[in-house]
């Protein structure tokens, strides 16, 4: 692949979000383990651990989407697709990639608007009273980067560089 600045920026974002998602996943495991030990040894749970683990799970999933897409780690139906000609596969791939990019750009936009609504309402989580708008904005950013990854793949599909 030629060295394009936008493509490099998208790749850098994927790499950064992958590391943040990995840290969230490790945090989930550590918190869950600490909660189990706390319940077993001290007979008391860690306050708010379920809420934090749920937030970390959302962050892990939302932030890892772009990297998973670039690594082709998502589920695909290959049996029928592999029987198609190269030209038909390019058309199907282009259509599904562009349709997905459009869909996820709308999801990103709606998540952003939802985050703005939560900020205006000053919504907080139930147990720890954490501001929910920050979580929603982070998720919108992850989906936005996923959309950029899809657009990059769409462009690369028709420029013949991948």
C-alpha atoms as a PDB file:
ATOM      1  CA  UNK A   1       0.000   0.000   0.000  1.00  0.00           C
ATOM      2  CA  UNK A   2       1.306   3.452  -0.906  1.00  0.00           C
ATOM      3  CA  UNK A   3       2.128   5.786   1.920  1.00  0.00           C
ATOM      4  CA  UNK A   4      -0.937   8.058   2.171  1.00  0.00           C
ATOM      5  CA  UNK A   5      -1.275  10.437   5.095  1.00  0.00           C
ATOM      6  CA  UNK A   6      -4.993   9.789   5.620  1.00  0.00           C
ATOM      7  CA  UNK A   7      -4.501   6.031   5.467  1.00  0.00           C
ATOM      8  CA  UNK A   8      -1.624   6.314   7.934  1.00  0.00           C
ATOM      9  CA  UNK A   9      -3.789   8.427  10.236  1.00  0.00           C
ATOM     10  CA  UNK A  10      -6.578   5.828  10.144  1.00  0.00           C
ATOM     11  CA  UNK A  11      -4.065   3.037  10.792  1.00  0.00           C
ATOM     12  CA  UNK A  12      -2.648   5.010  13.726  1.00  0.00           C
ATOM     13  CA  UNK A  13      -6.129   5.533  15.171  1.00  0.00           C
ATOM     14  CA  UNK A  14      -6.846   1.809  14.818  1.00  0.00           C
ATOM     15  CA  UNK A  15      -3.633   0.995  16.653  1.00  0.00           C
ATOM     16  CA  UNK A  16      -4.333   3.505  19.456  1.00  0.00           C
ATOM     17  CA  UNK A  17      -7.912   2.331  19.939  1.00  0.00           C
ATOM     18  CA  UNK A  18      -6.746  -1.299  19.908  1.00  0.00           C
ATOM     19  CA  UNK A  19      -4.386  -0.548  22.799  1.00  0.00           C
ATOM     20  CA  UNK A  20      -7.090   1.281  24.753  1.00  0.00           C
ATOM     21  CA  UNK A  21      -9.517  -1.604  24.133  1.00  0.00           C
ATOM     22  CA  UNK A  22      -6.869  -4.076  25.311  1.00  0.00           C
ATOM     23  CA  UNK A  23      -6.350  -2.023  28.479  1.00  0.00           C
ATOM     24  CA  UNK A  24     -10.131  -2.040  29.062  1.00  0.00           C
ATOM     25  CA  UNK A  25     -10.203  -5.819  28.615  1.00  0.00           C
ATOM     26  CA  UNK A  26      -7.326  -6.273  31.086  1.00  0.00           C
ATOM     27  CA  UNK A  27      -9.098  -3.920  33.487  1.00  0.00           C
ATOM     28  CA  UNK A  28     -12.249  -6.026  33.255  1.00  0.00           C
ATOM     29  CA  UNK A  29     -10.312  -9.179  34.099  1.00  0.00           C
ATOM     30  CA  UNK A  30      -8.425  -7.559  36.980  1.00  0.00           C
ATOM     31  CA  UNK A  31     -11.540  -5.989  38.482  1.00  0.00           C
ATOM     32  CA  UNK A  32     -13.496  -9.217  38.220  1.00  0.00           C
ATOM     33  CA  UNK A  33     -10.648 -11.144  39.839  1.00  0.00           C
ATOM     34  CA  UNK A  34     -10.265  -8.559  42.593  1.00  0.00           C
ATOM     35  CA  UNK A  35     -14.017  -8.652  43.248  1.00  0.00           C
ATOM     36  CA  UNK A  36     -13.946 -12.451  43.530  1.00  0.00           C
ATOM     37  CA  UNK A  37     -11.020 -12.290  45.967  1.00  0.00           C
ATOM     38  CA  UNK A  38     -12.697  -9.507  47.943  1.00  0.00           C
ATOM     39  CA  UNK A  39     -15.908 -11.528  48.231  1.00  0.00           C
ATOM     40  CA  UNK A  40     -14.010 -14.676  49.246  1.00  0.00           C
ATOM     41  CA  UNK A  41     -11.496 -13.164  51.679  1.00  0.00           C
ATOM     42  CA  UNK A  42     -13.324 -10.156  53.116  1.00  0.00           C
ATOM     43  CA  UNK A  43     -16.887 -11.338  52.443  1.00  0.00           C
ATOM     44  CA  UNK A  44     -17.682  -8.013  50.771  1.00  0.00           C
ATOM     45  CA  UNK A  45     -17.851  -7.040  47.099  1.00  0.00           C
ATOM     46  CA  UNK A  46     -16.066  -4.076  45.577  1.00  0.00           C
ATOM     47  CA  UNK A  47     -18.571  -1.222  45.328  1.00  0.00           C
ATOM     48  CA  UNK A  48     -19.649  -0.517  41.739  1.00  0.00           C
ATOM     49  CA  UNK A  49     -17.534  -3.217  40.109  1.00  0.00           C
ATOM     50  CA  UNK A  50     -20.430  -4.489  37.964  1.00  0.00           C
ATOM     51  CA  UNK A  51     -20.976  -0.998  36.583  1.00  0.00           C
ATOM     52  CA  UNK A  52     -17.296  -0.441  35.827  1.00  0.00           C
ATOM     53  CA  UNK A  53     -16.974  -3.850  34.145  1.00  0.00           C
ATOM     54  CA  UNK A  54     -20.055  -3.115  32.010  1.00  0.00           C
ATOM     55  CA  UNK A  55     -18.587   0.241  30.954  1.00  0.00           C
ATOM     56  CA  UNK A  56     -15.242  -1.387  30.148  1.00  0.00           C
ATOM     57  CA  UNK A  57     -17.029  -4.058  28.097  1.00  0.00           C
ATOM     58  CA  UNK A  58     -18.785  -1.378  26.050  1.00  0.00           C
ATOM     59  CA  UNK A  59     -15.496   0.458  25.555  1.00  0.00           C
ATOM     60  CA  UNK A  60     -13.665  -2.729  24.575  1.00  0.00           C
ATOM     61  CA  UNK A  61     -16.234  -3.613  21.946  1.00  0.00           C
ATOM     62  CA  UNK A  62     -16.703  -0.122  20.545  1.00  0.00           C
ATOM     63  CA  UNK A  63     -13.046   0.792  20.344  1.00  0.00           C
ATOM     64  CA  UNK A  64     -11.853  -2.503  18.861  1.00  0.00           C
ATOM     65  CA  UNK A  65     -14.241  -2.472  15.864  1.00  0.00           C
ATOM     66  CA  UNK A  66     -11.901  -0.659  13.452  1.00  0.00           C
ATOM     67  CA  UNK A  67      -8.937  -2.876  14.250  1.00  0.00           C
ATOM     68  CA  UNK A  68     -11.056  -6.031  13.990  1.00  0.00           C
ATOM     69  CA  UNK A  69     -12.263  -4.873  10.574  1.00  0.00           C
ATOM     70  CA  UNK A  70      -8.762  -4.151   9.304  1.00  0.00           C
ATOM     71  CA  UNK A  71      -7.605  -7.581  10.511  1.00  0.00           C
ATOM     72  CA  UNK A  72     -10.633  -9.315   8.925  1.00  0.00           C
ATOM     73  CA  UNK A  73     -11.516 -10.719  12.342  1.00  0.00           C
ATOM     74  CA  UNK A  74     -15.270 -10.431  11.887  1.00  0.00           C
ATOM     75  CA  UNK A  75     -17.615 -13.175  10.807  1.00  0.00           C
ATOM     76  CA  UNK A  76     -18.256 -13.617   7.096  1.00  0.00           C
ATOM     77  CA  UNK A  77     -20.131 -16.053   4.916  1.00  0.00           C
ATOM     78  CA  UNK A  78     -17.510 -17.318   2.496  1.00  0.00           C
ATOM     79  CA  UNK A  79     -19.047 -20.397   0.903  1.00  0.00           C
ATOM     80  CA  UNK A  80     -21.212 -18.661  -1.712  1.00  0.00           C
ATOM     81  CA  UNK A  81     -18.922 -15.644  -1.919  1.00  0.00           C
ATOM     82  CA  UNK A  82     -15.933 -17.830  -2.856  1.00  0.00           C
ATOM     83  CA  UNK A  83     -17.877 -19.326  -5.787  1.00  0.00           C
ATOM     84  CA  UNK A  84     -18.317 -15.903  -7.417  1.00  0.00           C
ATOM     85  CA  UNK A  85     -16.009 -14.510 -10.100  1.00  0.00           C
ATOM     86  CA  UNK A  86     -13.374 -11.949  -9.073  1.00  0.00           C
ATOM     87  CA  UNK A  87     -15.385  -9.105 -10.588  1.00  0.00           C
ATOM     88  CA  UNK A  88     -18.578 -10.203  -8.811  1.00  0.00           C
ATOM     89  CA  UNK A  89     -16.672 -10.501  -5.513  1.00  0.00           C
ATOM     90  CA  UNK A  90     -15.345  -6.947  -5.956  1.00  0.00           C
ATOM     91  CA  UNK A  91     -18.848  -5.654  -6.620  1.00  0.00           C
ATOM     92  CA  UNK A  92     -20.311  -7.480  -3.601  1.00  0.00           C
ATOM     93  CA  UNK A  93     -17.408  -6.401  -1.380  1.00  0.00           C
ATOM     94  CA  UNK A  94     -17.696  -2.799  -2.557  1.00  0.00           C
ATOM     95  CA  UNK A  95     -21.454  -2.717  -2.029  1.00  0.00           C
ATOM     96  CA  UNK A  96     -21.336  -4.247   1.452  1.00  0.00           C
ATOM     97  CA  UNK A  97     -18.393  -2.094   2.534  1.00  0.00           C
ATOM     98  CA  UNK A  98     -19.983   1.143   1.323  1.00  0.00           C
ATOM     99  CA  UNK A  99     -23.374   0.208   2.785  1.00  0.00           C
ATOM    100  CA  UNK A 100     -21.712  -0.610   6.108  1.00  0.00           C
ATOM    101  CA  UNK A 101     -19.812   2.690   6.069  1.00  0.00           C
ATOM    102  CA  UNK A 102     -23.039   4.607   5.477  1.00  0.00           C
ATOM    103  CA  UNK A 103     -24.854   2.678   8.212  1.00  0.00           C
ATOM    104  CA  UNK A 104     -22.081   3.167  10.767  1.00  0.00           C
ATOM    105  CA  UNK A 105     -21.679   6.844   9.914  1.00  0.00           C
ATOM    106  CA  UNK A 106     -25.357   7.238  10.831  1.00  0.00           C
ATOM    107  CA  UNK A 107     -24.774   5.228  14.031  1.00  0.00           C
ATOM    108  CA  UNK A 108     -21.815   7.501  14.867  1.00  0.00           C
ATOM    109  CA  UNK A 109     -23.865  10.629  14.269  1.00  0.00           C
ATOM    110  CA  UNK A 110     -26.779   9.337  16.358  1.00  0.00           C
ATOM    111  CA  UNK A 111     -24.448   8.300  19.195  1.00  0.00           C
ATOM    112  CA  UNK A 112     -22.965  11.804  19.176  1.00  0.00           C
ATOM    113  CA  UNK A 113     -26.443  13.359  19.361  1.00  0.00           C
ATOM    114  CA  UNK A 114     -27.387  10.929  22.142  1.00  0.00           C
ATOM    115  CA  UNK A 115     -24.241  11.907  24.044  1.00  0.00           C
ATOM    116  CA  UNK A 116     -25.201  15.584  23.693  1.00  0.00           C
ATOM    117  CA  UNK A 117     -28.664  14.792  25.050  1.00  0.00           C
ATOM    118  CA  UNK A 118     -27.158  12.924  28.009  1.00  0.00           C
ATOM    119  CA  UNK A 119     -24.795  15.842  28.695  1.00  0.00           C
ATOM    120  CA  UNK A 120     -27.661  18.352  28.664  1.00  0.00           C
ATOM    121  CA  UNK A 121     -29.697  16.124  30.990  1.00  0.00           C
ATOM    122  CA  UNK A 122     -26.617  15.612  33.205  1.00  0.00           C
ATOM    123  CA  UNK A 123     -27.265  11.861  33.242  1.00  0.00           C
ATOM    124  CA  UNK A 124     -25.014   9.752  35.436  1.00  0.00           C
ATOM    125  CA  UNK A 125     -24.640   6.034  36.043  1.00  0.00           C
ATOM    126  CA  UNK A 126     -26.750   4.503  38.809  1.00  0.00           C
ATOM    127  CA  UNK A 127     -24.188   3.287  41.317  1.00  0.00           C
ATOM    128  CA  UNK A 128     -21.055   5.396  40.927  1.00  0.00           C
ATOM    129  CA  UNK A 129     -22.755   8.413  39.325  1.00  0.00           C
ATOM    130  CA  UNK A 130     -20.252   8.575  36.469  1.00  0.00           C
ATOM    131  CA  UNK A 131     -21.215  10.895  33.592  1.00  0.00           C
ATOM    132  CA  UNK A 132     -22.687   8.679  30.875  1.00  0.00           C
ATOM    133  CA  UNK A 133     -22.125  11.220  28.111  1.00  0.00           C
ATOM    134  CA  UNK A 134     -18.359  10.620  28.183  1.00  0.00           C
ATOM    135  CA  UNK A 135     -18.877   6.894  27.640  1.00  0.00           C
ATOM    136  CA  UNK A 136     -21.265   7.560  24.767  1.00  0.00           C
ATOM    137  CA  UNK A 137     -18.860  10.060  23.163  1.00  0.00           C
ATOM    138  CA  UNK A 138     -16.003   7.540  23.420  1.00  0.00           C
ATOM    139  CA  UNK A 139     -18.216   4.919  21.819  1.00  0.00           C
ATOM    140  CA  UNK A 140     -19.171   7.368  19.046  1.00  0.00           C
ATOM    141  CA  UNK A 141     -15.470   8.011  18.437  1.00  0.00           C
ATOM    142  CA  UNK A 142     -14.824   4.272  18.158  1.00  0.00           C
ATOM    143  CA  UNK A 143     -17.675   3.869  15.679  1.00  0.00           C
ATOM    144  CA  UNK A 144     -16.408   6.900  13.748  1.00  0.00           C
ATOM    145  CA  UNK A 145     -12.969   5.315  13.424  1.00  0.00           C
ATOM    146  CA  UNK A 146     -14.652   2.072  12.329  1.00  0.00           C
ATOM    147  CA  UNK A 147     -16.470   4.048   9.622  1.00  0.00           C
ATOM    148  CA  UNK A 148     -13.157   5.547   8.472  1.00  0.00           C
ATOM    149  CA  UNK A 149     -11.673   2.047   8.285  1.00  0.00           C
ATOM    150  CA  UNK A 150     -14.574   0.922   6.100  1.00  0.00           C
ATOM    151  CA  UNK A 151     -14.173   3.939   3.812  1.00  0.00           C
ATOM    152  CA  UNK A 152     -10.438   3.275   3.557  1.00  0.00           C
ATOM    153  CA  UNK A 153     -11.135  -0.329   2.556  1.00  0.00           C
ATOM    154  CA  UNK A 154     -13.722   0.805   0.004  1.00  0.00           C
ATOM    155  CA  UNK A 155     -11.239   3.182  -1.624  1.00  0.00           C
ATOM    156  CA  UNK A 156      -8.440   0.612  -1.564  1.00  0.00           C
ATOM    157  CA  UNK A 157     -10.741  -1.969  -3.151  1.00  0.00           C
ATOM    158  CA  UNK A 158     -11.212   0.147  -6.254  1.00  0.00           C
ATOM    159  CA  UNK A 159      -7.706   1.589  -6.470  1.00  0.00           C
ATOM    160  CA  UNK A 160      -6.328  -1.943  -6.632  1.00  0.00           C
ATOM    161  CA  UNK A 161      -3.865  -1.453  -3.789  1.00  0.00           C
ATOM    162  CA  UNK A 162      -5.096  -4.234  -1.550  1.00  0.00           C
END
